[in-house]
Amino acid sequence: MLKKIPHTYVIIFYIIIFASILTWIVPGGRFEREKIIVNGSEKSVIVQGSFHNVPHKVQTWQIFSAMFKGFNEKSDIIIFIFMVGGAFMIITKTRAIDIGIFTFLKYNNKLKKKKIFRKIDIDNIIIAVTMIIYSLFGAVFGMSEETIPFIMILVPVAISMGYDSIVGVSLVFLAAGLGFAGAFLNPFTVGVAQGIAGITPLFSGIEYRLFAWLVINITGITYVILYARKIKANPKLSYVYKEDEYWRKRTDHNIEKIEKTALKSAWLVFGIISTAMIFFSFLYPYSELKIGNKLNISGYILPIITGFFIVLGFLSIRKSSHFFILLIITLSIIILIIGVMGFGWYVLEIATMFFAMGIAAGISKGFSPSKIANYFLLGVKDIAAAAIIVGFAGGIIEILNDGQIIDTILYSVSNSITGFGKVASITMMYIFQSMLNLLIPSGSGQAALTMPIMAPLSDLLGISRQAAVMAFQFGDGFTNMITPTSGVLIGVLGVAKIPFEKWFKFIFPFMMIIIIVALLLLIPTVTMDLPGF
């Protein structure tokens, strides 16, 4: 009989112990670093040829303090998860999402009755379109932490459509990961890597990157659709059938009993939000959304959105407070995209916005302040495991950093790449970046560490620096979907109530497929004359 797979917390603790053992074996080493300006931002990069040995610091009892440091290092993500979880519990209690799902399914079932949609299977179209949208978000502005709030919406949708929570996570997290890996305008990966490598113009080589992005997405969407079809045919084949009982209980289809009325409190919220949006429309009438350095969308974006909100808000409240709450959620998502692309928002601003969204939804449903507070705390309690595990995962990196062995690993592996042919060299670069991503999950952080080494190394190997950048972005991107050191992955799985080992069973075969696809896509970068390469 097979032994039961350990709890996710136990798996991470084992990895922390393994990391501490490495500090006994691997010699200490360090690169000198310098500050440079890359695309308008200051980055700390390695000084080429500056590696030197330093005494390694053996980690023993620090395996326990590493968790504290992990919580401290990942505090922004942890607080973000708490605030978003609390806000969405308030929204869940309004039953607005239930009504939204019910309305969506009713419309979806009507489409299925039409002959053309029966032939092409409308559910496949929904999966493909949703994944393409989130993949584009990953490709153009590096959507990562921002996927966490959407998990709470799309997992219940997937469950209601007859799928499982893994499909729900794939619709947003896996899709954004595909876009992140195959990015063509992501300023945090491609932009930083090209800037450090001295490649001009910025985002050059976009033609082949667009082709690679398309191939990567076709591969990922096909994999998800095949899995989703299997689960719909037999739900008990799901890796998370038992875990999804949590979502099945929360997804209530008995919508007809919900009283759909417009409350006075909803009109009050409508007035406050409308006034605030009009104020900010005068304050920021003209917005510029940057999609890399290649495309800017400029115009009176906020005033236009304000106008639409006022009209749709008036119509939705007259129908029901629930539909007005759904409009608030939609507005929040649109503002999130504008904030990230136009104003450089990160977890602080996004968490603040979702917190305000939760309060607005609660008031719109007529909840008292105390009831809103209690629901918020219930959401924090419900999502606490997801937030805590992010801190635990952060402890892995802290052990390696404190042991002063990350730079040694970087130096040793980069030296081993020399002496191969072009195809073998680009393959080794890709494998190296993939392995290093287990230690440094940050895209821009990994670029700052590796590109000062990989760029001149590619010159010696007769490989274009553009190819080295592509090897970096593939290596940095795909393994984010499977590495337990990724705070975002661990946070997403925690929110979706998916144990890491169950996700691993689902994603591992896809990792094998996509690694081969990526290697095939890298070969033309060193064997063909591609634009920008």
Protein backbone atom coordinates (compact mmCIF):
# COMPACT_ATOMS: atom_id res chain seq x y z
CA MET A 1 0.00 0.00 0.00
CA LEU A 2 1.28 3.46 -0.92
CA LYS A 3 2.07 5.81 1.90
CA LYS A 4 -0.13 8.87 2.20
CA ILE A 5 1.46 11.97 0.68
CA PRO A 6 2.46 14.43 3.43
CA HIS A 7 0.59 17.67 4.05
CA THR A 8 1.75 20.68 2.01
CA TYR A 9 3.19 22.26 5.18
CA VAL A 10 5.25 19.13 5.77
CA ILE A 11 6.53 19.08 2.18
CA ILE A 12 7.70 22.69 2.48
CA PHE A 13 9.37 21.98 5.83
CA TYR A 14 11.24 19.05 4.25
CA ILE A 15 12.46 21.39 1.51
CA ILE A 16 13.66 23.87 4.16
CA ILE A 17 15.61 21.04 5.83
CA PHE A 18 17.10 20.05 2.45
CA ALA A 19 18.11 23.68 1.83
CA SER A 20 19.82 23.79 5.20
CA ILE A 21 21.73 20.57 4.35
CA LEU A 22 22.97 22.25 1.16
CA THR A 23 24.53 25.00 3.27
CA TRP A 24 26.77 22.33 4.82
CA ILE A 25 27.88 21.01 1.41
CA VAL A 26 27.97 23.94 -1.04
CA PRO A 27 30.86 26.41 -0.56
CA GLY A 28 29.93 29.99 0.18
CA GLY A 29 30.34 32.55 -2.56
CA ARG A 30 29.33 36.04 -3.53
CA PHE A 31 29.18 38.34 -6.53
CA GLU A 32 29.72 42.04 -6.17
CA ARG A 33 26.65 44.03 -7.15
CA GLU A 34 26.06 47.48 -8.54
CA LYS A 35 23.02 49.69 -9.03
CA ILE A 36 22.03 50.51 -12.60
CA ILE A 37 18.99 52.16 -14.16
CA VAL A 38 17.00 49.77 -16.37
CA ASN A 39 13.99 51.21 -18.23
CA GLY A 40 13.65 53.96 -15.67
CA SER A 41 13.93 51.69 -12.60
CA GLU A 42 16.94 51.05 -10.38
CA LYS A 43 18.12 47.43 -10.36
CA SER A 44 20.85 45.69 -8.39
CA VAL A 45 22.87 43.61 -10.88
CA ILE A 46 25.90 41.34 -10.66
CA VAL A 47 29.30 42.73 -11.64
CA GLN A 48 30.76 40.43 -14.31
CA GLY A 49 33.83 38.52 -13.11
CA SER A 50 33.40 39.59 -9.48
CA PHE A 51 32.63 36.18 -7.97
CA HIS A 52 34.71 35.29 -4.94
CA ASN A 53 34.49 32.69 -2.23
CA VAL A 54 33.29 33.61 1.22
CA PRO A 55 32.80 31.42 4.28
CA HIS A 56 29.49 29.61 4.02
CA LYS A 57 27.15 29.96 6.95
CA VAL A 58 25.86 26.58 8.01
CA GLN A 59 22.14 26.68 8.83
CA THR A 60 20.98 24.47 11.71
CA TRP A 61 18.39 25.82 14.16
CA GLN A 62 17.68 28.51 11.55
CA ILE A 63 15.27 26.07 9.86
CA PHE A 64 12.80 27.31 12.49
CA SER A 65 13.63 31.01 12.36
CA ALA A 66 13.54 30.83 8.54
CA MET A 67 9.77 30.66 8.73
CA PHE A 68 9.65 33.89 10.71
CA LYS A 69 11.89 35.53 8.13
CA GLY A 70 9.72 34.07 5.38
CA PHE A 71 6.65 35.70 6.91
CA ASN A 72 8.52 38.99 7.12
CA GLU A 73 9.77 38.77 3.52
CA LYS A 74 6.36 37.80 2.13
CA SER A 75 4.33 40.04 4.43
CA ASP A 76 2.89 42.07 1.55
CA ILE A 77 1.50 38.96 -0.17
CA ILE A 78 0.22 37.55 3.14
CA ILE A 79 -1.63 40.76 4.06
CA PHE A 80 -2.91 40.95 0.49
CA ILE A 81 -4.42 37.46 0.79
CA PHE A 82 -6.03 38.30 4.15
CA MET A 83 -7.62 41.51 2.85
CA VAL A 84 -8.85 39.98 -0.40
CA GLY A 85 -10.17 36.90 1.41
CA GLY A 86 -12.07 39.01 3.91
CA ALA A 87 -13.52 41.23 1.19
CA PHE A 88 -14.69 38.29 -0.89
CA MET A 89 -16.37 36.65 2.09
CA ILE A 90 -18.51 39.79 2.46
CA ILE A 91 -19.37 39.58 -1.24
CA THR A 92 -20.09 35.84 -0.94
CA LYS A 93 -22.57 36.52 1.85
CA THR A 94 -24.45 39.00 -0.35
CA ARG A 95 -25.19 36.06 -2.72
CA ALA A 96 -24.40 38.34 -5.68
CA ILE A 97 -21.82 35.91 -7.12
CA ASP A 98 -24.37 33.07 -6.84
CA ILE A 99 -26.82 35.10 -8.90
CA GLY A 100 -24.08 36.00 -11.38
CA ILE A 101 -23.15 32.32 -11.85
CA PHE A 102 -26.81 31.32 -12.12
CA THR A 103 -27.43 33.97 -14.78
CA PHE A 104 -24.29 32.93 -16.67
CA LEU A 105 -25.27 29.24 -16.62
CA LYS A 106 -28.82 30.01 -17.73
CA TYR A 107 -27.51 32.02 -20.70
CA ASN A 108 -24.92 29.31 -21.41
CA ASN A 109 -27.63 26.62 -21.44
CA LYS A 110 -29.68 28.66 -23.92
CA LEU A 111 -26.69 28.83 -26.26
CA LYS A 112 -26.18 25.08 -25.98
CA LYS A 113 -29.66 24.52 -27.43
CA LYS A 114 -28.58 26.15 -30.67
CA LYS A 115 -27.20 23.70 -33.23
CA ILE A 116 -24.02 25.64 -34.04
CA PHE A 117 -22.97 25.88 -30.38
CA ARG A 118 -23.74 22.20 -29.76
CA LYS A 119 -21.33 21.27 -32.54
CA ILE A 120 -18.43 23.43 -31.36
CA ASP A 121 -19.14 22.95 -27.61
CA ILE A 122 -19.65 26.40 -26.10
CA ASP A 123 -17.84 25.36 -22.88
CA ASN A 124 -14.62 24.87 -24.84
CA ILE A 125 -14.97 28.37 -26.27
CA ILE A 126 -15.50 29.81 -22.78
CA ILE A 127 -12.38 28.03 -21.48
CA ALA A 128 -10.27 29.12 -24.45
CA VAL A 129 -11.41 32.77 -24.46
CA THR A 130 -11.01 33.13 -20.68
CA MET A 131 -7.50 31.67 -20.79
CA ILE A 132 -6.47 33.88 -23.71
CA ILE A 133 -7.62 37.00 -21.83
CA TYR A 134 -5.60 36.16 -18.72
CA SER A 135 -2.65 35.02 -20.83
CA LEU A 136 -2.63 38.44 -22.48
CA PHE A 137 -2.57 40.03 -19.02
CA GLY A 138 0.48 37.90 -18.19
CA ALA A 139 2.15 38.73 -21.49
CA VAL A 140 1.73 42.50 -21.41
CA PHE A 141 1.95 43.52 -17.75
CA GLY A 142 3.19 40.41 -15.97
CA MET A 143 0.00 39.44 -14.15
CA SER A 144 1.00 37.29 -11.18
CA GLU A 145 -0.14 38.25 -7.66
CA GLU A 146 -3.18 39.85 -9.29
CA THR A 147 -4.53 36.37 -10.14
CA ILE A 148 -5.39 35.61 -6.50
CA PRO A 149 -8.68 37.61 -6.32
CA PHE A 150 -9.91 36.06 -9.58
CA ILE A 151 -9.49 32.56 -8.13
CA MET A 152 -12.41 33.29 -5.81
CA ILE A 153 -14.62 34.07 -8.78
CA LEU A 154 -13.55 31.53 -11.39
CA VAL A 155 -13.28 28.45 -9.15
CA PRO A 156 -17.01 28.63 -8.23
CA VAL A 157 -17.80 29.24 -11.92
CA ALA A 158 -15.82 26.15 -12.92
CA ILE A 159 -17.52 24.05 -10.23
CA SER A 160 -20.94 25.25 -11.41
CA MET A 161 -20.10 24.29 -15.01
CA GLY A 162 -19.38 20.71 -13.90
CA TYR A 163 -15.61 20.98 -13.65
CA ASP A 164 -13.32 21.14 -10.61
CA SER A 165 -11.23 23.72 -8.77
CA ILE A 166 -8.15 22.75 -10.81
CA VAL A 167 -9.93 23.90 -13.98
CA GLY A 168 -10.92 27.12 -12.19
CA VAL A 169 -7.29 27.78 -11.21
CA SER A 170 -6.14 26.93 -14.73
CA LEU A 171 -8.51 29.48 -16.26
CA VAL A 172 -6.67 32.31 -14.55
CA PHE A 173 -3.40 31.26 -12.89
CA LEU A 174 -2.15 28.75 -15.46
CA ALA A 175 -3.32 31.05 -18.27
CA ALA A 176 -1.49 34.06 -16.80
CA GLY A 177 1.56 31.81 -16.33
CA LEU A 178 1.51 30.86 -20.00
CA GLY A 179 1.40 34.53 -20.93
CA PHE A 180 4.13 35.37 -18.43
CA ALA A 181 6.45 32.70 -19.85
CA GLY A 182 5.70 33.53 -23.48
CA ALA A 183 5.61 37.28 -22.86
CA PHE A 184 6.20 39.71 -25.68
CA LEU A 185 5.66 43.02 -23.87
CA ASN A 186 6.15 42.19 -20.18
CA PRO A 187 8.27 45.04 -18.75
CA PHE A 188 9.20 43.03 -15.64
CA THR A 189 10.82 40.12 -17.49
CA VAL A 190 11.50 40.83 -21.17
CA GLY A 191 11.94 44.56 -20.56
CA VAL A 192 14.35 44.18 -17.63
CA ALA A 193 16.31 41.33 -19.26
CA GLN A 194 16.72 43.17 -22.57
CA GLY A 195 17.67 46.38 -20.76
CA ILE A 196 20.40 44.66 -18.73
CA ALA A 197 21.62 42.74 -21.80
CA GLY A 198 21.90 46.05 -23.70
CA ILE A 199 19.45 44.99 -26.43
CA THR A 200 17.91 47.82 -28.42
CA PRO A 201 15.27 48.76 -29.30
CA LEU A 202 13.41 47.53 -26.24
CA PHE A 203 10.97 44.67 -26.95
CA SER A 204 12.66 43.93 -30.26
CA GLY A 205 12.15 40.38 -31.54
CA ILE A 206 8.42 40.73 -30.78
CA GLU A 207 7.46 38.98 -34.03
CA TYR A 208 8.90 35.61 -33.01
CA ARG A 209 7.78 36.09 -29.40
CA LEU A 210 4.18 36.52 -30.60
CA PHE A 211 4.48 33.26 -32.54
CA ALA A 212 5.93 31.49 -29.47
CA TRP A 213 3.14 32.92 -27.27
CA LEU A 214 0.54 31.54 -29.67
CA VAL A 215 2.10 28.06 -29.72
CA ILE A 216 2.44 28.02 -25.93
CA ASN A 217 -1.20 29.00 -25.45
CA ILE A 218 -2.53 26.47 -27.92
CA THR A 219 -0.61 23.79 -26.00
CA GLY A 220 -1.86 24.94 -22.59
CA ILE A 221 -5.49 25.50 -23.61
CA THR A 222 -5.64 22.08 -25.28
CA TYR A 223 -4.30 20.41 -22.13
CA VAL A 224 -6.86 22.15 -19.91
CA ILE A 225 -9.78 21.43 -22.26
CA LEU A 226 -8.91 17.72 -22.42
CA TYR A 227 -8.68 17.55 -18.62
CA ALA A 228 -11.93 19.53 -18.21
CA ARG A 229 -13.77 17.23 -20.63
CA LYS A 230 -12.63 14.18 -18.63
CA ILE A 231 -13.82 15.71 -15.34
CA LYS A 232 -17.19 16.71 -16.77
CA ALA A 233 -17.74 13.16 -18.02
CA ASN A 234 -16.85 11.71 -14.62
CA PRO A 235 -16.39 14.24 -11.76
CA LYS A 236 -14.93 11.55 -9.48
CA LEU A 237 -11.85 11.37 -11.71
CA SER A 238 -10.86 14.80 -10.39
CA TYR A 239 -7.70 14.89 -8.26
CA VAL A 240 -9.55 17.21 -5.88
CA TYR A 241 -13.03 15.66 -5.84
CA LYS A 242 -13.09 15.45 -2.03
CA GLU A 243 -11.54 18.90 -1.52
CA ASP A 244 -14.08 20.47 -3.88
CA GLU A 245 -16.89 19.57 -1.49
CA TYR A 246 -16.02 22.91 0.12
CA TRP A 247 -16.86 24.75 -3.12
CA ARG A 248 -19.89 22.59 -3.92
CA LYS A 249 -21.42 23.55 -0.59
CA ARG A 250 -20.71 27.25 -1.20
CA THR A 251 -22.08 27.22 -4.75
CA ASP A 252 -25.81 27.45 -4.19
CA HIS A 253 -28.00 27.03 -7.27
CA ASN A 254 -31.24 27.67 -5.36
CA ILE A 255 -31.28 31.27 -6.55
CA GLU A 256 -35.03 31.67 -6.96
CA LYS A 257 -35.46 31.92 -3.18
CA ILE A 258 -33.13 34.90 -2.97
CA GLU A 259 -35.06 38.12 -2.68
CA LYS A 260 -34.01 40.34 -5.58
CA THR A 261 -34.82 43.84 -4.44
CA ALA A 262 -33.21 47.25 -4.71
CA LEU A 263 -32.29 48.55 -1.25
CA LYS A 264 -31.91 52.19 -0.23
CA SER A 265 -28.39 51.44 0.97
CA ALA A 266 -27.47 50.42 -2.59
CA TRP A 267 -28.59 53.84 -3.86
CA LEU A 268 -26.41 55.43 -1.17
CA VAL A 269 -23.35 53.45 -2.32
CA PHE A 270 -24.19 54.29 -5.93
CA GLY A 271 -24.19 57.98 -5.07
CA ILE A 272 -20.89 57.82 -3.16
CA ILE A 273 -19.06 55.83 -5.87
CA SER A 274 -20.47 58.04 -8.65
CA THR A 275 -19.38 61.20 -6.81
CA ALA A 276 -15.90 59.78 -6.19
CA MET A 277 -15.50 58.72 -9.81
CA ILE A 278 -16.63 62.11 -11.09
CA PHE A 279 -14.11 63.76 -8.76
CA PHE A 280 -11.24 61.54 -9.97
CA SER A 281 -12.35 62.04 -13.58
CA PHE A 282 -11.73 65.76 -13.14
CA LEU A 283 -8.50 65.09 -11.26
CA TYR A 284 -7.17 62.54 -13.82
CA PRO A 285 -9.14 63.23 -16.99
CA TYR A 286 -6.49 61.87 -19.33
CA SER A 287 -4.93 58.45 -18.79
CA GLU A 288 -2.10 56.65 -20.57
CA LEU A 289 -2.02 52.87 -20.32
CA LYS A 290 1.40 51.53 -21.25
CA ILE A 291 1.69 48.13 -22.91
CA GLY A 292 5.46 47.76 -22.84
CA ASN A 293 7.18 50.46 -24.90
CA LYS A 294 5.49 49.47 -28.12
CA LEU A 295 1.88 50.51 -27.57
CA ASN A 296 0.18 53.12 -25.44
CA ILE A 297 -3.58 53.45 -25.09
CA SER A 298 -4.27 57.08 -24.27
CA GLY A 299 -7.50 58.97 -23.83
CA TYR A 300 -10.25 60.08 -21.48
CA ILE A 301 -10.52 56.58 -20.07
CA LEU A 302 -11.69 57.37 -16.53
CA PRO A 303 -14.45 59.82 -17.57
CA ILE A 304 -15.76 57.26 -20.08
CA ILE A 305 -15.81 54.50 -17.45
CA THR A 306 -17.54 56.90 -15.03
CA GLY A 307 -20.27 57.58 -17.57
CA PHE A 308 -20.84 53.88 -18.18
CA PHE A 309 -20.91 53.17 -14.44
CA ILE A 310 -23.53 55.83 -13.74
CA VAL A 311 -25.82 54.56 -16.51
CA LEU A 312 -25.35 50.86 -15.76
CA GLY A 313 -25.46 51.46 -12.00
CA PHE A 314 -28.84 53.16 -12.27
CA LEU A 315 -30.24 50.34 -14.42
CA SER A 316 -28.75 47.51 -12.31
CA ILE A 317 -30.04 48.84 -8.97
CA ARG A 318 -33.55 49.15 -10.37
CA LYS A 319 -33.37 45.44 -11.17
CA SER A 320 -31.70 44.26 -7.95
CA SER A 321 -29.02 45.20 -5.42
CA HIS A 322 -27.30 41.92 -6.37
CA PHE A 323 -26.76 43.06 -9.94
CA PHE A 324 -25.42 46.37 -8.67
CA ILE A 325 -22.90 44.45 -6.53
CA LEU A 326 -21.85 42.50 -9.63
CA LEU A 327 -21.34 45.85 -11.36
CA ILE A 328 -19.12 46.97 -8.46
CA ILE A 329 -17.02 43.81 -8.90
CA THR A 330 -16.75 44.45 -12.66
CA LEU A 331 -15.77 48.07 -12.05
CA SER A 332 -13.10 46.95 -9.57
CA ILE A 333 -11.58 44.59 -12.14
CA ILE A 334 -11.48 47.35 -14.77
CA ILE A 335 -9.93 49.80 -12.30
CA LEU A 336 -7.39 47.10 -11.36
CA ILE A 337 -6.27 46.80 -15.00
CA ILE A 338 -6.07 50.60 -15.39
CA GLY A 339 -4.18 50.95 -12.09
CA VAL A 340 -1.62 48.27 -12.94
CA MET A 341 -1.03 49.36 -16.53
CA GLY A 342 -1.35 53.12 -16.13
CA PHE A 343 -0.27 53.91 -12.58
CA GLY A 344 2.04 51.06 -11.54
CA TRP A 345 -0.24 49.57 -8.91
CA TYR A 346 0.94 46.60 -6.86
CA VAL A 347 -0.45 44.60 -3.94
CA LEU A 348 -0.93 47.65 -1.64
CA GLU A 349 -3.24 49.47 -4.03
CA ILE A 350 -4.99 46.31 -5.24
CA ALA A 351 -5.69 45.07 -1.70
CA THR A 352 -7.00 48.52 -0.74
CA MET A 353 -9.34 48.54 -3.73
CA PHE A 354 -10.75 45.07 -3.01
CA PHE A 355 -11.17 45.94 0.66
CA ALA A 356 -13.22 48.99 -0.32
CA MET A 357 -15.14 46.83 -2.82
CA GLY A 358 -16.10 44.38 -0.06
CA ILE A 359 -17.35 47.15 2.22
CA ALA A 360 -19.32 48.74 -0.65
CA ALA A 361 -20.91 45.38 -1.47
CA GLY A 362 -21.86 44.77 2.16
CA ILE A 363 -23.49 48.18 2.51
CA SER A 364 -25.31 47.72 -0.81
CA LYS A 365 -26.87 44.52 0.56
CA GLY A 366 -27.97 46.32 3.72
CA PHE A 367 -25.50 44.67 6.11
CA SER A 368 -24.82 46.47 9.37
CA PRO A 369 -21.24 47.60 10.13
CA SER A 370 -20.89 44.82 12.71
CA LYS A 371 -22.12 42.19 10.28
CA ILE A 372 -19.63 43.41 7.65
CA ALA A 373 -16.82 43.20 10.23
CA ASN A 374 -17.85 39.68 11.28
CA TYR A 375 -18.02 38.49 7.67
CA PHE A 376 -14.62 40.03 6.98
CA LEU A 377 -13.08 38.19 9.94
CA LEU A 378 -14.79 34.99 8.80
CA GLY A 379 -13.11 35.41 5.40
CA VAL A 380 -9.72 36.02 7.03
CA LYS A 381 -10.16 32.87 9.11
CA ASP A 382 -11.27 30.88 6.06
CA ILE A 383 -8.20 31.90 4.06
CA ALA A 384 -5.65 31.89 6.89
CA ALA A 385 -4.11 28.58 5.78
CA ALA A 386 -3.37 30.05 2.33
CA ALA A 387 -1.68 33.11 3.82
CA ILE A 388 0.36 31.13 6.36
CA ILE A 389 1.73 28.71 3.80
CA VAL A 390 3.10 31.62 1.74
CA GLY A 391 5.24 32.61 4.73
CA PHE A 392 6.43 29.02 5.16
CA ALA A 393 7.46 28.84 1.49
CA GLY A 394 9.37 32.10 1.86
CA GLY A 395 11.55 30.42 4.48
CA ILE A 396 13.18 28.21 1.82
CA ILE A 397 14.79 31.17 0.09
CA GLU A 398 15.80 32.72 3.41
CA ILE A 399 17.82 29.62 4.36
CA LEU A 400 19.71 29.67 1.04
CA ASN A 401 20.35 33.41 1.25
CA ASP A 402 21.57 33.25 4.85
CA GLY A 403 23.80 30.29 3.98
CA GLN A 404 25.38 32.43 1.22
CA ILE A 405 25.23 29.67 -1.39
CA ILE A 406 22.88 31.04 -4.07
CA ASP A 407 25.66 32.94 -5.84
CA THR A 408 27.88 29.83 -5.74
CA ILE A 409 25.17 27.79 -7.45
CA LEU A 410 24.70 30.55 -10.05
CA TYR A 411 28.44 30.77 -10.75
CA SER A 412 29.03 27.02 -10.94
CA VAL A 413 26.14 26.25 -13.28
CA SER A 414 26.88 29.22 -15.59
CA ASN A 415 30.48 27.99 -15.97
CA SER A 416 29.29 24.51 -16.91
CA ILE A 417 27.43 25.83 -19.97
CA THR A 418 30.59 26.68 -21.93
CA GLY A 419 32.02 24.22 -24.45
CA PHE A 420 28.79 23.13 -26.14
CA GLY A 421 27.34 23.74 -29.60
CA LYS A 422 24.72 26.42 -30.16
CA VAL A 423 21.66 24.18 -29.76
CA ALA A 424 23.12 22.44 -26.72
CA SER A 425 24.19 25.79 -25.23
CA ILE A 426 20.74 27.40 -25.53
CA THR A 427 19.24 24.20 -24.08
CA MET A 428 21.62 24.38 -21.12
CA MET A 429 20.79 28.06 -20.63
CA TYR A 430 17.09 27.21 -20.51
CA ILE A 431 17.60 24.35 -18.05
CA PHE A 432 19.84 26.57 -15.92
CA GLN A 433 17.24 29.36 -15.77
CA SER A 434 14.50 26.84 -14.97
CA MET A 435 16.46 25.35 -12.08
CA LEU A 436 17.46 28.77 -10.77
CA ASN A 437 13.81 29.81 -10.73
CA LEU A 438 13.30 27.29 -7.93
CA LEU A 439 15.61 29.49 -5.85
CA ILE A 440 14.67 32.91 -7.24
CA PRO A 441 10.97 32.98 -8.23
CA SER A 442 10.99 36.74 -8.93
CA GLY A 443 11.17 37.43 -12.67
CA SER A 444 12.89 40.81 -12.51
CA GLY A 445 15.10 39.57 -9.65
CA GLN A 446 16.26 36.58 -11.67
CA ALA A 447 16.90 38.81 -14.70
CA ALA A 448 19.02 41.16 -12.59
CA LEU A 449 21.06 38.23 -11.26
CA THR A 450 21.55 36.18 -14.40
CA MET A 451 21.57 38.48 -17.42
CA PRO A 452 24.86 40.22 -16.50
CA ILE A 453 26.38 36.71 -16.76
CA MET A 454 24.27 35.19 -19.55
CA ALA A 455 24.58 38.18 -21.94
CA PRO A 456 28.42 38.14 -22.28
CA LEU A 457 28.39 34.32 -22.09
CA SER A 458 26.07 34.19 -25.11
CA ASP A 459 28.58 36.35 -27.03
CA LEU A 460 31.33 33.82 -26.29
CA LEU A 461 29.10 30.95 -27.39
CA GLY A 462 28.13 32.68 -30.63
CA ILE A 463 24.48 32.98 -29.56
CA SER A 464 22.49 36.18 -29.87
CA ARG A 465 21.69 37.98 -26.63
CA GLN A 466 18.06 37.95 -27.73
CA ALA A 467 18.11 34.14 -27.62
CA ALA A 468 19.60 34.29 -24.10
CA VAL A 469 16.73 36.56 -23.03
CA MET A 470 14.19 34.12 -24.45
CA ALA A 471 15.84 31.21 -22.62
CA PHE A 472 15.57 33.30 -19.45
CA GLN A 473 11.88 34.14 -19.90
CA PHE A 474 10.93 30.52 -20.62
CA GLY A 475 12.99 29.25 -17.69
CA ASP A 476 11.64 31.92 -15.37
CA GLY A 477 8.02 31.52 -16.49
CA PHE A 478 7.00 27.88 -16.72
CA THR A 479 8.44 26.62 -13.45
CA ASN A 480 6.44 29.30 -11.58
CA MET A 481 3.49 26.94 -12.08
CA ILE A 482 5.08 24.10 -10.11
CA THR A 483 7.78 25.38 -7.75
CA PRO A 484 6.82 25.35 -4.04
CA THR A 485 9.09 28.36 -3.48
CA SER A 486 6.67 30.56 -5.46
CA GLY A 487 4.59 32.53 -2.98
CA VAL A 488 1.98 33.26 -5.65
CA LEU A 489 1.48 29.58 -6.56
CA ILE A 490 1.24 28.55 -2.91
CA GLY A 491 -1.17 31.45 -2.25
CA VAL A 492 -3.35 30.53 -5.24
CA LEU A 493 -3.54 26.88 -4.22
CA GLY A 494 -4.33 27.85 -0.65
CA VAL A 495 -7.19 30.10 -1.76
CA ALA A 496 -8.55 27.38 -4.06
CA LYS A 497 -8.20 24.73 -1.29
CA ILE A 498 -6.01 22.56 -3.54
CA PRO A 499 -3.23 20.61 -1.79
CA PHE A 500 0.13 21.12 -3.49
CA GLU A 501 0.59 17.41 -4.14
CA LYS A 502 -2.77 17.25 -5.97
CA TRP A 503 -1.83 20.24 -8.14
CA PHE A 504 1.54 18.59 -8.79
CA LYS A 505 -0.20 15.50 -10.20
CA PHE A 506 -2.15 17.69 -12.61
CA ILE A 507 0.61 20.06 -13.67
CA PHE A 508 3.61 17.70 -13.87
CA PRO A 509 2.62 16.02 -17.18
CA PHE A 510 1.97 19.46 -18.65
CA MET A 511 5.39 20.62 -17.45
CA MET A 512 6.99 17.76 -19.37
CA ILE A 513 5.05 18.73 -22.52
CA ILE A 514 5.68 22.47 -22.28
CA ILE A 515 9.40 22.01 -21.54
CA ILE A 516 9.74 20.10 -24.83
CA VAL A 517 7.66 22.73 -26.67
CA ALA A 518 9.86 25.50 -25.22
CA LEU A 519 13.05 23.72 -26.28
CA LEU A 520 11.70 23.36 -29.81
CA LEU A 521 10.81 27.07 -29.85
CA LEU A 522 14.34 27.98 -28.69
CA ILE A 523 16.12 26.07 -31.47
CA PRO A 524 15.16 28.54 -34.26
CA THR A 525 16.63 31.40 -32.18
CA VAL A 526 20.12 29.94 -32.76
CA THR A 527 19.64 28.23 -36.15
CA MET A 528 17.52 30.72 -38.11
CA ASP A 529 17.79 34.38 -39.04
CA LEU A 530 14.83 35.76 -37.09
CA PRO A 531 13.86 39.46 -36.92
CA GLY A 532 15.55 41.06 -33.89
CA PHE A 533 17.64 37.97 -33.05
